[in-house]
Amino acid sequence: MTRLRIAAALTGLLLLAGCGGGPSYREWTASKDVPTVAYDECTAEVDATMRLRGYPNRPLPETPQFSYRREIFSQCMRRKGYSDNS
C-alpha cells in the first residue's frame, strides 16, 4: 500500500513540475455526463503529438509551438465534451 502512495505522490510531483506553460484545468468546464479524465487524456495525447512532430513537450510561451500545443489541446478537450470558460 505504501508503495502505491509513494508512486502516486511522485507522479503528482512530476505532473506539477511539467505544468508551467500549458493550459490549466480551471480553463475548462465539463459538459453534462462527461468524465473528468479528459484533461489527463488530452495532455498525454498532445505530448505524443508534440513528440512526433519534433517539438518540445513544454514550449516557451513566445514560441509558435506554444500556440500550436494550446490549439491541439483545445481541439481534444472539445472533442471530449468540454467547453472553454473564456
PDB file of N, CA and C in Angstrom:
ATOM      1  N   MET A   1       0.813  -1.192   0.000  1.00  0.00           N
ATOM      2  CA  MET A   1       0.000   0.000   0.000  1.00  0.00           C
ATOM      3  C   MET A   1       0.859   1.259   0.000  1.00  0.00           C
ATOM      4  N   THR A   2       1.911   1.255   0.798  1.00  0.00           N
ATOM      5  CA  THR A   2       2.729   2.464   0.877  1.00  0.00           C
ATOM      6  C   THR A   2       3.482   2.707  -0.431  1.00  0.00           C
ATOM      7  N   ARG A   3       3.830   1.665  -1.137  1.00  0.00           N
ATOM      8  CA  ARG A   3       4.497   1.847  -2.430  1.00  0.00           C
ATOM      9  C   ARG A   3       3.574   2.545  -3.419  1.00  0.00           C
ATOM     10  N   LEU A   4       2.297   2.191  -3.372  1.00  0.00           N
ATOM     11  CA  LEU A   4       1.334   2.845  -4.245  1.00  0.00           C
ATOM     12  C   LEU A   4       1.193   4.321  -3.897  1.00  0.00           C
ATOM     13  N   ARG A   5       1.174   4.616  -2.621  1.00  0.00           N
ATOM     14  CA  ARG A   5       1.055   6.015  -2.197  1.00  0.00           C
ATOM     15  C   ARG A   5       2.289   6.811  -2.597  1.00  0.00           C
ATOM     16  N   ILE A   6       3.457   6.210  -2.451  1.00  0.00           N
ATOM     17  CA  ILE A   6       4.694   6.887  -2.846  1.00  0.00           C
ATOM     18  C   ILE A   6       4.702   7.121  -4.352  1.00  0.00           C
ATOM     19  N   ALA A   7       4.285   6.100  -5.108  1.00  0.00           N
ATOM     20  CA  ALA A   7       4.240   6.225  -6.562  1.00  0.00           C
ATOM     21  C   ALA A   7       3.238   7.308  -6.973  1.00  0.00           C
ATOM     22  N   ALA A   8       2.100   7.348  -6.306  1.00  0.00           N
ATOM     23  CA  ALA A   8       1.101   8.371  -6.620  1.00  0.00           C
ATOM     24  C   ALA A   8       1.626   9.769  -6.297  1.00  0.00           C
ATOM     25  N   ALA A   9       2.321   9.903  -5.178  1.00  0.00           N
ATOM     26  CA  ALA A   9       2.880  11.202  -4.798  1.00  0.00           C
ATOM     27  C   ALA A   9       3.943  11.651  -5.799  1.00  0.00           C
ATOM     28  N   LEU A  10       4.812  10.727  -6.217  1.00  0.00           N
ATOM     29  CA  LEU A  10       5.844  11.062  -7.193  1.00  0.00           C
ATOM     30  C   LEU A  10       5.231  11.433  -8.547  1.00  0.00           C
ATOM     31  N   THR A  11       4.207  10.723  -8.932  1.00  0.00           N
ATOM     32  CA  THR A  11       3.519  11.037 -10.183  1.00  0.00           C
ATOM     33  C   THR A  11       2.913  12.429 -10.118  1.00  0.00           C
ATOM     34  N   GLY A  12       2.296  12.748  -8.989  1.00  0.00           N
ATOM     35  CA  GLY A  12       1.725  14.084  -8.816  1.00  0.00           C
ATOM     36  C   GLY A  12       2.778  15.170  -8.886  1.00  0.00           C
ATOM     37  N   LEU A  13       3.924  14.922  -8.264  1.00  0.00           N
ATOM     38  CA  LEU A  13       5.008  15.908  -8.307  1.00  0.00           C
ATOM     39  C   LEU A  13       5.534  16.103  -9.727  1.00  0.00           C
ATOM     40  N   LEU A  14       5.670  15.005 -10.462  1.00  0.00           N
ATOM     41  CA  LEU A  14       6.140  15.105 -11.842  1.00  0.00           C
ATOM     42  C   LEU A  14       5.148  15.877 -12.701  1.00  0.00           C
ATOM     43  N   LEU A  15       3.872  15.645 -12.483  1.00  0.00           N
ATOM     44  CA  LEU A  15       2.866  16.370 -13.254  1.00  0.00           C
ATOM     45  C   LEU A  15       2.900  17.857 -12.930  1.00  0.00           C
ATOM     46  N   LEU A  16       3.059  18.174 -11.655  1.00  0.00           N
ATOM     47  CA  LEU A  16       3.120  19.582 -11.263  1.00  0.00           C
ATOM     48  C   LEU A  16       4.374  20.257 -11.802  1.00  0.00           C
ATOM     49  N   ALA A  17       5.458  19.525 -11.877  1.00  0.00           N
ATOM     50  CA  ALA A  17       6.711  20.106 -12.366  1.00  0.00           C
ATOM     51  C   ALA A  17       6.617  20.456 -13.846  1.00  0.00           C
ATOM     52  N   GLY A  18       5.832  19.722 -14.599  1.00  0.00           N
ATOM     53  CA  GLY A  18       5.745  19.952 -16.029  1.00  0.00           C
ATOM     54  C   GLY A  18       4.584  20.834 -16.456  1.00  0.00           C
ATOM     55  N   CYS A  19       3.883  21.425 -15.520  1.00  0.00           N
ATOM     56  CA  CYS A  19       2.683  22.187 -15.855  1.00  0.00           C
ATOM     57  C   CYS A  19       2.910  23.689 -15.937  1.00  0.00           C
ATOM     58  N   GLY A  20       4.098  24.115 -16.241  1.00  0.00           N
ATOM     59  CA  GLY A  20       4.388  25.537 -16.239  1.00  0.00           C
ATOM     60  C   GLY A  20       3.659  26.332 -17.297  1.00  0.00           C
ATOM     61  N   GLY A  21       3.674  25.911 -18.558  1.00  0.00           N
ATOM     62  CA  GLY A  21       3.152  26.775 -19.601  1.00  0.00           C
ATOM     63  C   GLY A  21       1.892  26.285 -20.280  1.00  0.00           C
ATOM     64  N   GLY A  22       1.402  25.140 -19.917  1.00  0.00           N
ATOM     65  CA  GLY A  22       0.248  24.595 -20.608  1.00  0.00           C
ATOM     66  C   GLY A  22      -1.061  25.132 -20.068  1.00  0.00           C
ATOM     67  N   PRO A  23      -2.157  24.780 -20.714  1.00  0.00           N
ATOM     68  CA  PRO A  23      -3.458  25.223 -20.241  1.00  0.00           C
ATOM     69  C   PRO A  23      -3.776  24.608 -18.884  1.00  0.00           C
ATOM     70  N   SER A  24      -4.456  25.343 -18.057  1.00  0.00           N
ATOM     71  CA  SER A  24      -4.788  24.822 -16.737  1.00  0.00           C
ATOM     72  C   SER A  24      -6.160  24.159 -16.780  1.00  0.00           C
ATOM     73  N   TYR A  25      -6.377  23.281 -15.824  1.00  0.00           N
ATOM     74  CA  TYR A  25      -7.637  22.547 -15.763  1.00  0.00           C
ATOM     75  C   TYR A  25      -8.808  23.502 -15.541  1.00  0.00           C
ATOM     76  N   ARG A  26      -8.576  24.603 -14.823  1.00  0.00           N
ATOM     77  CA  ARG A  26      -9.656  25.537 -14.493  1.00  0.00           C
ATOM     78  C   ARG A  26     -10.189  26.292 -15.703  1.00  0.00           C
ATOM     79  N   GLU A  27      -9.480  26.238 -16.814  1.00  0.00           N
ATOM     80  CA  GLU A  27      -9.935  26.929 -18.011  1.00  0.00           C
ATOM     81  C   GLU A  27     -11.050  26.173 -18.733  1.00  0.00           C
ATOM     82  N   TRP A  28     -11.394  25.001 -18.236  1.00  0.00           N
ATOM     83  CA  TRP A  28     -12.354  24.158 -18.936  1.00  0.00           C
ATOM     84  C   TRP A  28     -13.465  23.714 -17.997  1.00  0.00           C
ATOM     85  N   THR A  29     -14.671  23.595 -18.520  1.00  0.00           N
ATOM     86  CA  THR A  29     -15.829  23.147 -17.756  1.00  0.00           C
ATOM     87  C   THR A  29     -16.402  21.914 -18.433  1.00  0.00           C
ATOM     88  N   ALA A  30     -16.670  20.894 -17.647  1.00  0.00           N
ATOM     89  CA  ALA A  30     -17.231  19.668 -18.209  1.00  0.00           C
ATOM     90  C   ALA A  30     -18.696  19.858 -18.548  1.00  0.00           C
ATOM     91  N   SER A  31     -19.073  19.349 -19.702  1.00  0.00           N
ATOM     92  CA  SER A  31     -20.486  19.315 -20.060  1.00  0.00           C
ATOM     93  C   SER A  31     -21.138  18.190 -19.265  1.00  0.00           C
ATOM     94  N   LYS A  32     -22.430  18.073 -19.386  1.00  0.00           N
ATOM     95  CA  LYS A  32     -23.157  17.052 -18.637  1.00  0.00           C
ATOM     96  C   LYS A  32     -22.699  15.641 -19.040  1.00  0.00           C
ATOM     97  N   ASP A  33     -22.523  14.764 -18.065  1.00  0.00           N
ATOM     98  CA  ASP A  33     -22.165  13.348 -18.283  1.00  0.00           C
ATOM     99  C   ASP A  33     -20.826  13.154 -18.989  1.00  0.00           C
ATOM    100  N   VAL A  34     -19.855  14.013 -18.730  1.00  0.00           N
ATOM    101  CA  VAL A  34     -18.533  13.871 -19.324  1.00  0.00           C
ATOM    102  C   VAL A  34     -17.557  13.448 -18.228  1.00  0.00           C
ATOM    103  N   PRO A  35     -16.746  12.418 -18.469  1.00  0.00           N
ATOM    104  CA  PRO A  35     -15.778  12.010 -17.451  1.00  0.00           C
ATOM    105  C   PRO A  35     -14.683  13.053 -17.266  1.00  0.00           C
ATOM    106  N   THR A  36     -14.178  13.158 -16.036  1.00  0.00           N
ATOM    107  CA  THR A  36     -13.163  14.175 -15.737  1.00  0.00           C
ATOM    108  C   THR A  36     -11.755  13.744 -16.121  1.00  0.00           C
ATOM    109  N   VAL A  37     -11.576  12.559 -16.665  1.00  0.00           N
ATOM    110  CA  VAL A  37     -10.249  12.101 -17.070  1.00  0.00           C
ATOM    111  C   VAL A  37      -9.822  12.697 -18.402  1.00  0.00           C
ATOM    112  N   ALA A  38     -10.677  13.478 -19.033  1.00  0.00           N
ATOM    113  CA  ALA A  38     -10.372  14.037 -20.348  1.00  0.00           C
ATOM    114  C   ALA A  38      -9.127  14.914 -20.309  1.00  0.00           C
ATOM    115  N   TYR A  39      -8.939  15.678 -19.244  1.00  0.00           N
ATOM    116  CA  TYR A  39      -7.777  16.574 -19.150  1.00  0.00           C
ATOM    117  C   TYR A  39      -6.477  15.782 -19.236  1.00  0.00           C
ATOM    118  N   ASP A  40      -6.387  14.698 -18.455  1.00  0.00           N
ATOM    119  CA  ASP A  40      -5.177  13.863 -18.475  1.00  0.00           C
ATOM    120  C   ASP A  40      -5.008  13.172 -19.822  1.00  0.00           C
ATOM    121  N   GLU A  41      -6.098  12.688 -20.386  1.00  0.00           N
ATOM    122  CA  GLU A  41      -6.017  12.031 -21.694  1.00  0.00           C
ATOM    123  C   GLU A  41      -5.545  13.005 -22.764  1.00  0.00           C
ATOM    124  N   CYS A  42      -6.058  14.224 -22.742  1.00  0.00           N
ATOM    125  CA  CYS A  42      -5.661  15.218 -23.743  1.00  0.00           C
ATOM    126  C   CYS A  42      -4.209  15.637 -23.549  1.00  0.00           C
ATOM    127  N   THR A  43      -3.777  15.764 -22.301  1.00  0.00           N
ATOM    128  CA  THR A  43      -2.383  16.121 -22.043  1.00  0.00           C
ATOM    129  C   THR A  43      -1.458  15.060 -22.623  1.00  0.00           C
ATOM    130  N   ALA A  44      -1.779  13.786 -22.395  1.00  0.00           N
ATOM    131  CA  ALA A  44      -0.956  12.696 -22.932  1.00  0.00           C
ATOM    132  C   ALA A  44      -0.998  12.677 -24.464  1.00  0.00           C
ATOM    133  N   GLU A  45      -2.180  12.909 -25.018  1.00  0.00           N
ATOM    134  CA  GLU A  45      -2.325  12.919 -26.481  1.00  0.00           C
ATOM    135  C   GLU A  45      -1.520  14.062 -27.110  1.00  0.00           C
ATOM    136  N   VAL A  46      -1.570  15.233 -26.498  1.00  0.00           N
ATOM    137  CA  VAL A  46      -0.835  16.387 -27.015  1.00  0.00           C
ATOM    138  C   VAL A  46       0.668  16.167 -26.872  1.00  0.00           C
ATOM    139  N   ASP A  47       1.101  15.586 -25.739  1.00  0.00           N
ATOM    140  CA  ASP A  47       2.526  15.283 -25.565  1.00  0.00           C
ATOM    141  C   ASP A  47       3.021  14.371 -26.680  1.00  0.00           C
ATOM    142  N   ALA A  48       2.228  13.352 -27.009  1.00  0.00           N
ATOM    143  CA  ALA A  48       2.613  12.414 -28.062  1.00  0.00           C
ATOM    144  C   ALA A  48       2.671  13.121 -29.419  1.00  0.00           C
ATOM    145  N   THR A  49       1.700  13.973 -29.699  1.00  0.00           N
ATOM    146  CA  THR A  49       1.686  14.710 -30.975  1.00  0.00           C
ATOM    147  C   THR A  49       2.890  15.633 -31.081  1.00  0.00           C
ATOM    148  N   MET A  50       3.202  16.331 -29.999  1.00  0.00           N
ATOM    149  CA  MET A  50       4.348  17.244 -29.998  1.00  0.00           C
ATOM    150  C   MET A  50       5.645  16.472 -30.230  1.00  0.00           C
ATOM    151  N   ARG A  51       5.765  15.310 -29.587  1.00  0.00           N
ATOM    152  CA  ARG A  51       6.955  14.472 -29.748  1.00  0.00           C
ATOM    153  C   ARG A  51       7.094  13.986 -31.184  1.00  0.00           C
ATOM    154  N   LEU A  52       5.975  13.550 -31.782  1.00  0.00           N
ATOM    155  CA  LEU A  52       6.001  13.058 -33.160  1.00  0.00           C
ATOM    156  C   LEU A  52       6.415  14.149 -34.150  1.00  0.00           C
ATOM    157  N   ARG A  53       6.056  15.374 -33.868  1.00  0.00           N
ATOM    158  CA  ARG A  53       6.400  16.490 -34.756  1.00  0.00           C
ATOM    159  C   ARG A  53       7.779  17.074 -34.459  1.00  0.00           C
ATOM    160  N   GLY A  54       8.448  16.556 -33.436  1.00  0.00           N
ATOM    161  CA  GLY A  54       9.781  17.027 -33.096  1.00  0.00           C
ATOM    162  C   GLY A  54       9.789  18.315 -32.293  1.00  0.00           C
ATOM    163  N   TYR A  55       8.646  18.694 -31.728  1.00  0.00           N
ATOM    164  CA  TYR A  55       8.555  19.903 -30.917  1.00  0.00           C
ATOM    165  C   TYR A  55       8.796  19.556 -29.455  1.00  0.00           C
ATOM    166  N   PRO A  56       9.201  20.527 -28.650  1.00  0.00           N
ATOM    167  CA  PRO A  56       9.344  20.255 -27.212  1.00  0.00           C
ATOM    168  C   PRO A  56       7.969  20.065 -26.573  1.00  0.00           C
ATOM    169  N   ASN A  57       7.905  19.221 -25.543  1.00  0.00           N
ATOM    170  CA  ASN A  57       6.631  18.981 -24.863  1.00  0.00           C
ATOM    171  C   ASN A  57       6.093  20.231 -24.192  1.00  0.00           C
ATOM    172  N   ARG A  58       6.954  21.018 -23.603  1.00  0.00           N
ATOM    173  CA  ARG A  58       6.539  22.234 -22.899  1.00  0.00           C
ATOM    174  C   ARG A  58       7.246  23.447 -23.507  1.00  0.00           C
ATOM    175  N   PRO A  59       6.778  23.918 -24.663  1.00  0.00           N
ATOM    176  CA  PRO A  59       7.448  25.046 -25.322  1.00  0.00           C
ATOM    177  C   PRO A  59       7.257  26.351 -24.547  1.00  0.00           C
ATOM    178  N   LEU A  60       8.162  27.280 -24.759  1.00  0.00           N
ATOM    179  CA  LEU A  60       8.065  28.593 -24.132  1.00  0.00           C
ATOM    180  C   LEU A  60       6.915  29.380 -24.754  1.00  0.00           C
ATOM    181  N   PRO A  61       6.262  30.250 -23.970  1.00  0.00           N
ATOM    182  CA  PRO A  61       5.099  30.991 -24.483  1.00  0.00           C
ATOM    183  C   PRO A  61       5.389  31.869 -25.689  1.00  0.00           C
ATOM    184  N   GLU A  62       6.623  32.308 -25.867  1.00  0.00           N
ATOM    185  CA  GLU A  62       6.921  33.187 -27.004  1.00  0.00           C
ATOM    186  C   GLU A  62       7.219  32.437 -28.297  1.00  0.00           C
ATOM    187  N   THR A  63       7.138  31.123 -28.282  1.00  0.00           N
ATOM    188  CA  THR A  63       7.410  30.335 -29.484  1.00  0.00           C
ATOM    189  C   THR A  63       6.104  29.957 -30.198  1.00  0.00           C
ATOM    190  N   PRO A  64       6.163  29.704 -31.513  1.00  0.00           N
ATOM    191  CA  PRO A  64       4.952  29.288 -32.239  1.00  0.00           C
ATOM    192  C   PRO A  64       4.434  27.923 -31.777  1.00  0.00           C
ATOM    193  N   GLN A  65       5.320  27.097 -31.263  1.00  0.00           N
ATOM    194  CA  GLN A  65       4.905  25.768 -30.803  1.00  0.00           C
ATOM    195  C   GLN A  65       3.953  25.861 -29.609  1.00  0.00           C
ATOM    196  N   PHE A  66       4.059  26.924 -28.831  1.00  0.00           N
ATOM    197  CA  PHE A  66       3.191  27.104 -27.666  1.00  0.00           C
ATOM    198  C   PHE A  66       1.731  27.237 -28.114  1.00  0.00           C
ATOM    199  N   SER A  67       1.493  28.088 -29.111  1.00  0.00           N
ATOM    200  CA  SER A  67       0.120  28.260 -29.588  1.00  0.00           C
ATOM    201  C   SER A  67      -0.360  26.993 -30.304  1.00  0.00           C
ATOM    202  N   TYR A  68       0.553  26.296 -30.971  1.00  0.00           N
ATOM    203  CA  TYR A  68       0.211  25.032 -31.621  1.00  0.00           C
ATOM    204  C   TYR A  68      -0.241  24.010 -30.580  1.00  0.00           C
ATOM    205  N   ARG A  69       0.503  23.891 -29.480  1.00  0.00           N
ATOM    206  CA  ARG A  69       0.148  22.961 -28.409  1.00  0.00           C
ATOM    207  C   ARG A  69      -1.205  23.328 -27.802  1.00  0.00           C
ATOM    208  N   ARG A  70      -1.410  24.616 -27.576  1.00  0.00           N
ATOM    209  CA  ARG A  70      -2.664  25.081 -26.982  1.00  0.00           C
ATOM    210  C   ARG A  70      -3.856  24.756 -27.893  1.00  0.00           C
ATOM    211  N   GLU A  71      -3.686  24.935 -29.197  1.00  0.00           N
ATOM    212  CA  GLU A  71      -4.762  24.649 -30.138  1.00  0.00           C
ATOM    213  C   GLU A  71      -5.078  23.149 -30.205  1.00  0.00           C
ATOM    214  N   ILE A  72      -4.056  22.318 -30.227  1.00  0.00           N
ATOM    215  CA  ILE A  72      -4.278  20.863 -30.235  1.00  0.00           C
ATOM    216  C   ILE A  72      -5.002  20.441 -28.963  1.00  0.00           C
ATOM    217  N   PHE A  73      -4.576  21.005 -27.826  1.00  0.00           N
ATOM    218  CA  PHE A  73      -5.218  20.682 -26.551  1.00  0.00           C
ATOM    219  C   PHE A  73      -6.684  21.115 -26.571  1.00  0.00           C
ATOM    220  N   SER A  74      -6.953  22.301 -27.103  1.00  0.00           N
ATOM    221  CA  SER A  74      -8.329  22.804 -27.170  1.00  0.00           C
ATOM    222  C   SER A  74      -9.210  21.895 -28.022  1.00  0.00           C
ATOM    223  N   GLN A  75      -8.692  21.462 -29.145  1.00  0.00           N
ATOM    224  CA  GLN A  75      -9.458  20.565 -30.015  1.00  0.00           C
ATOM    225  C   GLN A  75      -9.773  19.258 -29.302  1.00  0.00           C
ATOM    226  N   CYS A  76      -8.799  18.725 -28.588  1.00  0.00           N
ATOM    227  CA  CYS A  76      -9.005  17.468 -27.860  1.00  0.00           C
ATOM    228  C   CYS A  76     -10.065  17.632 -26.774  1.00  0.00           C
ATOM    229  N   MET A  77      -9.975  18.712 -26.007  1.00  0.00           N
ATOM    230  CA  MET A  77     -10.951  18.931 -24.932  1.00  0.00           C
ATOM    231  C   MET A  77     -12.363  19.111 -25.499  1.00  0.00           C
ATOM    232  N   ARG A  78     -12.489  19.828 -26.603  1.00  0.00           N
ATOM    233  CA  ARG A  78     -13.818  19.996 -27.213  1.00  0.00           C
ATOM    234  C   ARG A  78     -14.350  18.660 -27.723  1.00  0.00           C
ATOM    235  N   ARG A  79     -13.476  17.835 -28.288  1.00  0.00           N
ATOM    236  CA  ARG A  79     -13.886  16.506 -28.760  1.00  0.00           C
ATOM    237  C   ARG A  79     -14.402  15.658 -27.608  1.00  0.00           C
ATOM    238  N   LYS A  80     -13.867  15.856 -26.427  1.00  0.00           N
ATOM    239  CA  LYS A  80     -14.268  15.048 -25.271  1.00  0.00           C
ATOM    240  C   LYS A  80     -15.446  15.646 -24.521  1.00  0.00           C
ATOM    241  N   GLY A  81     -16.005  16.748 -25.027  1.00  0.00           N
ATOM    242  CA  GLY A  81     -17.225  17.282 -24.458  1.00  0.00           C
ATOM    243  C   GLY A  81     -17.061  18.451 -23.509  1.00  0.00           C
ATOM    244  N   TYR A  82     -15.882  19.051 -23.483  1.00  0.00           N
ATOM    245  CA  TYR A  82     -15.655  20.199 -22.608  1.00  0.00           C
ATOM    246  C   TYR A  82     -15.831  21.486 -23.397  1.00  0.00           C
ATOM    247  N   SER A  83     -16.118  22.567 -22.665  1.00  0.00           N
ATOM    248  CA  SER A  83     -16.214  23.876 -23.308  1.00  0.00           C
ATOM    249  C   SER A  83     -15.263  24.833 -22.626  1.00  0.00           C
ATOM    250  N   ASP A  84     -14.755  25.791 -23.379  1.00  0.00           N
ATOM    251  CA  ASP A  84     -13.813  26.774 -22.889  1.00  0.00           C
ATOM    252  C   ASP A  84     -14.522  27.768 -21.986  1.00  0.00           C
ATOM    253  N   ASN A  85     -13.897  28.148 -20.861  1.00  0.00           N
ATOM    254  CA  ASN A  85     -14.501  29.078 -19.912  1.00  0.00           C
ATOM    255  C   ASN A  85     -14.361  30.530 -20.315  1.00  0.00           C
ATOM    256  N   SER A  86     -13.514  30.829 -21.270  1.00  0.00           N
ATOM    257  CA  SER A  86     -13.270  32.254 -21.587  1.00  0.00           C
ATOM    258  C   SER A  86     -14.329  32.871 -22.435  1.00  0.00           C
TER     259      SER A  86
END
